Amino acid sequence: MHKNDIDNWLAINNLQKDATLRAMESSLRVPIIAQSVDLAPAVGPQVDAEQAWSLATSALLDFLPKIAGMILHTSNAIPRCLTAREGTGEQGARARPFTYDNGPGHLPFVSCDYRGSAADILDVVHEFTHALQIVVSHGDPMPPVARETCAFLGEAILIDWARRHRLTLAEHLDRAWQDAGAVYLGPDADALSRALHGASAPYDYRWNYPLARLAASALLREGNADDVVALLGSGSKAPANLARFLVGAAPGSLPPLSPPTASPVDAYRQVGAITLLDLQTGHESDQTSIGERYDRLLDCMRKQTAFIALGGSGNPVGYALWRSRPGDASAFAVDCCASPGEEETLMRALQSAVPQIAGHVRIAARDIAKGRADD
């Protein structure tokens, strides 16, 4: 690939520029404001590198039983180095994880600078899934967007497995997924958008991450295990398998206000939608007066920390408001509400559009449900 040629990148991934821009714009309709969602690094429970490798094996076996033999072969036979080591770049920089494809007929090699954090666990399953994809596709080279989609699917599959079997671990993994998503769907997406709009920039492998992250979320939302197996084994034909998950619009949402361009009509529309949901569901906020509630809503809109999800007919079905707790920017107070039966619609929309706070909303919703059960 020529270092300055976005067209070559599109061709390698069998993507059309206009369709790619539409996919990103529909899926990223709520801007990712990294500075207003300052999450601290997640540190996971005590899990050593080989245990992380085993967790990846268990989760993928559970989700993809049809290729159990290939998963076990990947788990048992793949050569790997999962020890902590220093990188060769800036002083103190960590070595980046990677999977090296040794070509048809040879097993790939996996390397991870593993130090025990939740992010490191996700790195292990990410690289495990890269290796699995090479095994399942029999070494047929896969374009990078599809290749990274496979790896992100592995991460999401592990998180889903942990939610069912290792809840404490799942909370740490969720946090690490959100932290990474703030980069993939923030600065990385911005860089890709600038390149697609004609800005002169050298090729950056990170261009592959935003679309891959969005495609993985869409595939798990709209597809099934058979679709994942088909993608893993499709090699150079992967773009055809991935196409329908790249063009679909994300769950609907109303964009956050961005003064000074936002109009009073937009503000009243969003305040009205949130108030209507409160009335319909009997949701009680922590404000003591109408004036305080109104001021809080406007403040969230100005800071772009208000999110409203829309149903299939365009009607509001849920919202989330968030803010940092005083004295601790990494802890969030979350106020969320959804129409009965629309809780997952709200969560899917948040995960697609504002993934860095979706986990906080899920945890808050679970705590509310637990509190009701205790009553």
Protein backbone atom coordinates (compact mmCIF):
# COMPACT_ATOMS: atom_id res chain seq x y z
CA MET A 1 0.00 0.00 0.00
CA HIS A 2 1.29 3.44 -0.92
CA LYS A 3 1.80 5.45 2.24
CA ASN A 4 -0.41 8.34 1.07
CA ASP A 5 -3.15 6.49 -0.77
CA ILE A 6 -6.51 6.10 0.97
CA ASP A 7 -7.85 4.66 -2.29
CA ASN A 8 -5.51 1.68 -1.99
CA TRP A 9 -6.74 1.06 1.54
CA LEU A 10 -10.34 1.12 0.29
CA ALA A 11 -9.47 -1.26 -2.54
CA ILE A 12 -7.67 -3.76 -0.30
CA ASN A 13 -10.72 -3.90 1.97
CA ASN A 14 -13.15 -3.89 -0.99
CA LEU A 15 -14.80 -0.73 0.34
CA GLN A 16 -16.41 2.18 -1.50
CA LYS A 17 -15.56 5.63 -0.17
CA ASP A 18 -19.14 6.98 -0.11
CA ALA A 19 -20.56 3.83 1.49
CA THR A 20 -17.78 3.83 4.09
CA LEU A 21 -18.49 7.43 4.99
CA ARG A 22 -22.21 6.69 5.28
CA ALA A 23 -21.55 3.68 7.50
CA MET A 24 -19.38 5.75 9.83
CA GLU A 25 -21.71 8.72 9.91
CA SER A 26 -24.80 6.60 10.66
CA SER A 27 -23.01 4.59 13.34
CA LEU A 28 -21.16 7.52 14.90
CA ARG A 29 -24.07 9.93 14.89
CA VAL A 30 -23.32 10.88 18.51
CA PRO A 31 -19.80 12.34 18.68
CA ILE A 32 -17.35 10.69 21.04
CA ILE A 33 -16.13 13.41 23.43
CA ALA A 34 -13.12 11.78 25.06
CA GLN A 35 -12.31 14.71 27.33
CA SER A 36 -15.75 14.60 28.95
CA VAL A 37 -15.48 10.85 29.67
CA ASP A 38 -12.10 10.49 31.39
CA LEU A 39 -11.92 6.84 32.42
CA ALA A 40 -9.06 5.47 34.52
CA PRO A 41 -7.24 2.34 33.29
CA ALA A 42 -8.98 -0.88 34.29
CA VAL A 43 -7.06 -3.36 36.41
CA GLY A 44 -8.39 -6.88 36.36
CA PRO A 45 -8.41 -9.62 38.99
CA GLN A 46 -5.36 -11.85 39.38
CA VAL A 47 -5.30 -13.79 36.10
CA ASP A 48 -1.98 -14.96 34.72
CA ALA A 49 -1.20 -15.13 31.02
CA GLU A 50 -1.96 -18.82 30.52
CA GLN A 51 -5.19 -18.44 32.49
CA ALA A 52 -6.15 -15.60 30.15
CA TRP A 53 -5.40 -17.90 27.20
CA SER A 54 -7.64 -20.56 28.79
CA LEU A 55 -10.42 -18.00 29.33
CA ALA A 56 -10.28 -17.15 25.63
CA THR A 57 -10.50 -20.85 24.79
CA SER A 58 -13.51 -21.42 27.07
CA ALA A 59 -15.45 -18.41 25.79
CA LEU A 60 -14.91 -19.23 22.11
CA LEU A 61 -15.77 -22.91 22.65
CA ASP A 62 -19.00 -21.85 24.34
CA PHE A 63 -20.02 -19.47 21.54
CA LEU A 64 -18.68 -21.40 18.54
CA PRO A 65 -19.16 -25.14 19.24
CA LYS A 66 -19.24 -25.92 15.49
CA ILE A 67 -15.49 -25.23 15.22
CA ALA A 68 -14.54 -26.63 18.62
CA GLY A 69 -11.77 -28.74 17.08
CA MET A 70 -10.08 -25.73 15.48
CA ILE A 71 -10.42 -23.69 18.68
CA LEU A 72 -8.77 -26.46 20.70
CA HIS A 73 -6.06 -26.84 18.07
CA THR A 74 -5.39 -23.09 18.24
CA SER A 75 -5.34 -23.19 22.04
CA ASN A 76 -2.99 -26.16 22.30
CA ALA A 77 -0.70 -25.86 19.29
CA ILE A 78 -0.14 -22.17 18.57
CA PRO A 79 3.39 -21.02 19.56
CA ARG A 80 3.17 -17.95 21.79
CA CYS A 81 5.08 -15.60 24.02
CA LEU A 82 2.91 -13.97 26.68
CA THR A 83 5.59 -12.59 28.98
CA ALA A 84 6.00 -8.96 30.04
CA ARG A 85 8.78 -7.11 28.25
CA GLU A 86 9.79 -3.58 27.27
CA GLY A 87 9.18 -2.16 23.83
CA THR A 88 11.84 -0.80 21.51
CA GLY A 89 10.32 2.66 21.05
CA GLU A 90 10.08 5.45 23.60
CA GLN A 91 11.71 4.83 26.95
CA GLY A 92 9.44 2.62 29.03
CA ALA A 93 7.04 1.98 26.13
CA ARG A 94 5.30 -1.37 26.11
CA ALA A 95 5.68 -3.82 23.25
CA ARG A 96 2.55 -4.01 21.13
CA PRO A 97 0.72 -7.35 20.94
CA PHE A 98 0.75 -9.01 17.53
CA THR A 99 0.00 -12.21 15.64
CA TYR A 100 2.46 -13.17 12.92
CA ASP A 101 1.07 -15.15 10.00
CA ASN A 102 3.74 -17.64 8.90
CA GLY A 103 1.90 -18.48 5.68
CA PRO A 104 -0.19 -21.45 4.45
CA GLY A 105 0.70 -24.74 6.05
CA HIS A 106 2.35 -23.11 9.07
CA LEU A 107 0.94 -22.07 12.44
CA PRO A 108 0.93 -18.35 13.30
CA PHE A 109 2.87 -16.95 16.25
CA VAL A 110 1.21 -14.87 19.00
CA SER A 111 3.00 -12.29 21.14
CA CYS A 112 1.51 -10.31 24.06
CA ASP A 113 3.24 -8.10 26.63
CA TYR A 114 1.06 -9.51 29.41
CA ARG A 115 1.07 -7.85 32.83
CA GLY A 116 -2.29 -8.89 34.27
CA SER A 117 -4.63 -5.96 33.57
CA ALA A 118 -8.12 -6.38 32.13
CA ALA A 119 -6.86 -4.69 28.96
CA ASP A 120 -4.12 -7.35 28.76
CA ILE A 121 -6.74 -10.10 29.02
CA LEU A 122 -8.59 -8.53 26.09
CA ASP A 123 -5.28 -8.33 24.18
CA VAL A 124 -4.82 -12.08 24.68
CA VAL A 125 -8.27 -13.00 23.35
CA HIS A 126 -7.82 -10.46 20.52
CA GLU A 127 -4.61 -12.16 19.37
CA PHE A 128 -6.02 -15.65 20.06
CA THR A 129 -8.87 -14.84 17.67
CA HIS A 130 -6.45 -13.52 15.05
CA ALA A 131 -4.66 -16.88 15.24
CA LEU A 132 -7.97 -18.77 15.14
CA GLN A 133 -9.01 -16.83 12.03
CA ILE A 134 -5.77 -17.83 10.27
CA VAL A 135 -6.35 -21.49 11.22
CA VAL A 136 -10.03 -21.52 10.19
CA SER A 137 -9.35 -19.77 6.85
CA HIS A 138 -6.43 -22.15 6.14
CA GLY A 139 -3.99 -19.28 5.69
CA ASP A 140 -5.99 -17.44 3.00
CA PRO A 141 -4.98 -13.80 3.74
CA MET A 142 -7.82 -11.66 5.09
CA PRO A 143 -8.05 -7.87 4.49
CA PRO A 144 -7.29 -5.84 7.62
CA VAL A 145 -10.76 -4.42 8.43
CA ALA A 146 -12.26 -7.93 8.40
CA ARG A 147 -9.24 -9.31 10.25
CA GLU A 148 -9.68 -6.78 13.07
CA THR A 149 -13.43 -7.39 13.10
CA CYS A 150 -12.71 -11.06 13.89
CA ALA A 151 -10.40 -10.05 16.74
CA PHE A 152 -12.94 -7.61 18.22
CA LEU A 153 -15.57 -10.35 18.01
CA GLY A 154 -13.29 -12.49 20.17
CA GLU A 155 -13.12 -9.72 22.78
CA ALA A 156 -16.89 -9.25 22.82
CA ILE A 157 -17.48 -13.00 23.05
CA LEU A 158 -15.19 -13.22 26.09
CA ILE A 159 -16.97 -10.31 27.80
CA ASP A 160 -20.37 -11.93 27.17
CA TRP A 161 -19.08 -15.25 28.55
CA ALA A 162 -17.68 -13.53 31.64
CA ARG A 163 -21.02 -11.81 32.30
CA ARG A 164 -22.55 -15.27 32.61
CA HIS A 165 -19.75 -17.04 34.46
CA ARG A 166 -17.34 -14.51 36.05
CA LEU A 167 -19.27 -11.35 36.90
CA THR A 168 -16.46 -9.52 38.71
CA LEU A 169 -14.10 -10.22 35.82
CA ALA A 170 -16.79 -9.03 33.39
CA GLU A 171 -16.98 -5.63 35.08
CA HIS A 172 -13.23 -5.13 34.68
CA LEU A 173 -13.33 -6.31 31.05
CA ASP A 174 -16.29 -4.02 30.31
CA ARG A 175 -14.33 -1.07 31.62
CA ALA A 176 -11.27 -1.95 29.52
CA TRP A 177 -13.48 -2.38 26.42
CA GLN A 178 -15.00 1.06 26.99
CA ASP A 179 -11.61 2.72 27.50
CA ALA A 180 -10.33 1.26 24.22
CA GLY A 181 -13.57 2.20 22.45
CA ALA A 182 -13.06 5.84 23.39
CA VAL A 183 -9.89 5.73 21.26
CA TYR A 184 -11.13 3.53 18.39
CA LEU A 185 -14.33 5.56 17.95
CA GLY A 186 -12.74 8.89 18.87
CA PRO A 187 -9.26 9.84 17.60
CA ASP A 188 -8.98 6.80 15.30
CA ALA A 189 -12.37 7.46 13.72
CA ASP A 190 -11.50 11.14 13.31
CA ALA A 191 -8.24 10.24 11.55
CA LEU A 192 -10.02 7.87 9.17
CA SER A 193 -12.72 10.44 8.44
CA ARG A 194 -10.12 13.08 7.62
CA ALA A 195 -8.37 10.68 5.24
CA LEU A 196 -11.67 9.77 3.56
CA HIS A 197 -12.51 13.45 3.13
CA GLY A 198 -9.27 14.02 1.25
CA ALA A 199 -6.88 15.18 3.95
CA SER A 200 -3.31 14.26 3.06
CA ALA A 201 -2.08 11.69 5.55
CA PRO A 202 0.17 8.62 5.47
CA TYR A 203 -1.46 5.24 5.82
CA ASP A 204 -2.06 4.32 9.44
CA TYR A 205 -3.03 0.77 10.42
CA ARG A 206 -5.37 2.28 13.02
CA TRP A 207 -7.69 3.28 10.16
CA ASN A 208 -8.91 -0.31 10.33
CA TYR A 209 -10.09 -0.19 13.93
CA PRO A 210 -13.19 2.09 13.82
CA LEU A 211 -14.95 0.16 11.05
CA ALA A 212 -13.91 -3.17 12.55
CA ARG A 213 -15.26 -2.17 15.97
CA LEU A 214 -18.56 -1.04 14.45
CA ALA A 215 -18.83 -4.13 12.26
CA ALA A 216 -18.19 -6.48 15.20
CA SER A 217 -20.90 -4.77 17.26
CA ALA A 218 -23.34 -4.90 14.32
CA LEU A 219 -22.59 -8.58 13.62
CA LEU A 220 -23.26 -9.60 17.22
CA ARG A 221 -26.39 -7.44 17.29
CA GLU A 222 -27.85 -8.60 13.97
CA GLY A 223 -26.09 -11.90 13.23
CA ASN A 224 -25.40 -15.18 15.01
CA ALA A 225 -22.66 -17.73 15.69
CA ASP A 226 -22.91 -19.12 12.15
CA ASP A 227 -22.15 -15.65 10.77
CA VAL A 228 -19.05 -15.47 12.99
CA VAL A 229 -17.87 -18.90 11.80
CA ALA A 230 -18.44 -17.88 8.18
CA LEU A 231 -16.43 -14.69 8.65
CA LEU A 232 -13.55 -16.46 10.39
CA GLY A 233 -13.20 -18.91 7.52
CA SER A 234 -13.71 -16.52 4.61
CA GLY A 235 -10.11 -15.32 4.19
CA SER A 236 -9.72 -13.04 1.16
CA LYS A 237 -13.50 -13.22 0.54
CA ALA A 238 -14.26 -11.72 3.97
CA PRO A 239 -15.43 -8.30 2.67
CA ALA A 240 -18.47 -9.96 1.06
CA ASN A 241 -19.40 -11.57 4.40
CA LEU A 242 -18.89 -8.31 6.22
CA ALA A 243 -20.66 -5.94 3.82
CA ARG A 244 -24.16 -6.10 5.30
CA PHE A 245 -22.85 -5.37 8.78
CA LEU A 246 -20.95 -2.28 7.62
CA VAL A 247 -23.82 -0.55 5.85
CA GLY A 248 -26.57 -0.88 8.46
CA ALA A 249 -27.40 2.13 10.57
CA ALA A 250 -26.77 1.97 14.28
CA PRO A 251 -29.70 2.09 16.72
CA GLY A 252 -31.25 5.54 16.52
CA SER A 253 -30.40 8.36 18.85
CA LEU A 254 -30.86 12.09 19.14
CA PRO A 255 -27.54 13.92 18.83
CA PRO A 256 -26.28 15.85 21.86
CA LEU A 257 -26.51 19.61 21.67
CA SER A 258 -23.37 21.51 20.76
CA PRO A 259 -23.72 25.23 21.59
CA PRO A 260 -23.69 27.76 20.15
CA THR A 261 -25.25 26.06 17.09
CA ALA A 262 -28.03 24.29 18.98
CA SER A 263 -31.42 25.98 18.82
CA PRO A 264 -33.90 26.46 21.70
CA VAL A 265 -36.32 24.20 19.81
CA ASP A 266 -33.78 21.36 19.92
CA ALA A 267 -33.27 21.90 23.64
CA TYR A 268 -36.99 21.81 24.39
CA ARG A 269 -37.37 18.73 22.20
CA GLN A 270 -34.78 16.80 24.20
CA VAL A 271 -36.00 18.04 27.59
CA GLY A 272 -39.52 17.05 26.54
CA ALA A 273 -38.42 13.56 25.46
CA ILE A 274 -36.64 12.93 28.77
CA THR A 275 -39.55 14.31 30.81
CA LEU A 276 -42.04 12.17 28.87
CA LEU A 277 -40.00 9.04 29.59
CA ASP A 278 -39.85 9.98 33.29
CA LEU A 279 -43.65 10.35 33.39
CA GLN A 280 -44.31 7.14 31.47
CA THR A 281 -42.03 5.03 33.66
CA GLY A 282 -42.40 6.74 37.03
CA HIS A 283 -38.66 7.35 37.09
CA GLU A 284 -37.53 9.63 39.91
CA SER A 285 -34.39 11.73 39.50
CA ASP A 286 -32.18 12.97 42.31
CA GLN A 287 -33.30 16.59 41.85
CA THR A 288 -35.71 18.09 44.37
CA SER A 289 -37.41 20.65 42.12
CA ILE A 290 -38.44 21.15 38.51
CA GLY A 291 -35.96 24.00 38.20
CA GLU A 292 -33.05 21.86 39.38
CA ARG A 293 -34.01 19.09 36.97
CA TYR A 294 -34.25 21.52 34.05
CA ASP A 295 -30.85 23.05 34.88
CA ARG A 296 -29.29 19.58 35.13
CA LEU A 297 -30.67 18.54 31.73
CA LEU A 298 -29.41 21.69 30.02
CA ASP A 299 -25.99 21.28 31.64
CA CYS A 300 -25.73 17.69 30.34
CA MET A 301 -26.74 18.83 26.87
CA ARG A 302 -24.12 21.57 26.86
CA LYS A 303 -21.44 19.08 27.99
CA GLN A 304 -22.71 16.43 25.55
CA THR A 305 -23.38 13.95 28.35
CA ALA A 306 -27.06 13.42 27.51
CA PHE A 307 -28.11 10.56 25.24
CA ILE A 308 -31.61 9.68 24.00
CA ALA A 309 -32.26 6.41 22.18
CA LEU A 310 -35.02 6.13 19.57
CA GLY A 311 -37.20 3.13 18.75
CA GLY A 312 -37.97 1.78 15.29
CA SER A 313 -40.70 4.37 14.70
CA GLY A 314 -38.48 7.25 15.81
CA ASN A 315 -40.04 7.65 19.25
CA PRO A 316 -37.84 8.09 22.36
CA VAL A 317 -37.49 4.80 24.25
CA GLY A 318 -34.75 5.58 26.76
CA TYR A 319 -32.10 8.02 27.90
CA ALA A 320 -28.87 8.23 29.85
CA LEU A 321 -27.29 11.21 31.61
CA TRP A 322 -23.86 11.03 33.21
CA ARG A 323 -21.36 13.12 35.12
CA SER A 324 -18.15 12.59 37.07
CA ARG A 325 -18.44 12.30 40.81
CA PRO A 326 -16.83 15.20 42.71
CA GLY A 327 -13.18 14.50 43.41
CA ASP A 328 -13.05 11.34 41.27
CA ALA A 329 -13.13 11.80 37.50
CA SER A 330 -13.01 8.04 36.95
CA ALA A 331 -16.27 7.34 38.87
CA PHE A 332 -19.55 8.18 37.21
CA ALA A 333 -23.00 9.04 38.50
CA VAL A 334 -25.41 7.73 35.87
CA ASP A 335 -29.11 8.56 35.57
CA CYS A 336 -30.79 6.22 33.09
CA CYS A 337 -34.35 5.32 32.20
CA ALA A 338 -35.97 3.13 29.53
CA SER A 339 -39.52 2.29 28.56
CA PRO A 340 -40.59 -1.19 29.74
CA GLY A 341 -39.11 -3.81 27.42
CA GLU A 342 -36.74 -1.31 25.76
CA GLU A 343 -33.80 -1.67 28.13
CA GLU A 344 -31.71 -3.59 25.60
CA THR A 345 -32.59 -1.10 22.86
CA LEU A 346 -31.07 1.63 25.02
CA MET A 347 -28.01 -0.49 25.79
CA ARG A 348 -27.39 -1.41 22.14
CA ALA A 349 -27.68 2.23 21.08
CA LEU A 350 -25.29 3.32 23.83
CA GLN A 351 -22.80 0.56 23.02
CA SER A 352 -22.75 1.61 19.36
CA ALA A 353 -22.67 5.37 19.87
CA VAL A 354 -21.11 6.07 23.29
CA PRO A 355 -19.38 2.81 24.27
CA GLN A 356 -17.20 4.39 26.92
CA ILE A 357 -20.17 4.92 29.28
CA ALA A 358 -22.36 1.98 28.23
CA GLY A 359 -20.85 -0.26 30.89
CA HIS A 360 -21.56 2.30 33.61
CA VAL A 361 -25.21 2.42 32.54
CA ARG A 362 -25.43 -1.39 32.58
CA ILE A 363 -23.95 -1.54 36.07
CA ALA A 364 -26.26 1.26 37.31
CA ALA A 365 -29.30 -0.52 35.86
CA ARG A 366 -28.26 -3.78 37.55
CA ASP A 367 -27.80 -2.02 40.91
CA ILE A 368 -31.25 -0.43 40.59
CA ALA A 369 -32.78 -3.81 39.83
CA LYS A 370 -30.95 -5.37 42.83
CA GLY A 371 -32.22 -2.59 45.07
CA ARG A 372 -35.81 -3.25 44.01
CA ALA A 373 -35.34 -6.96 44.67
CA ASP A 374 -33.95 -6.25 48.15
CA ASP A 375 -37.01 -4.11 48.93
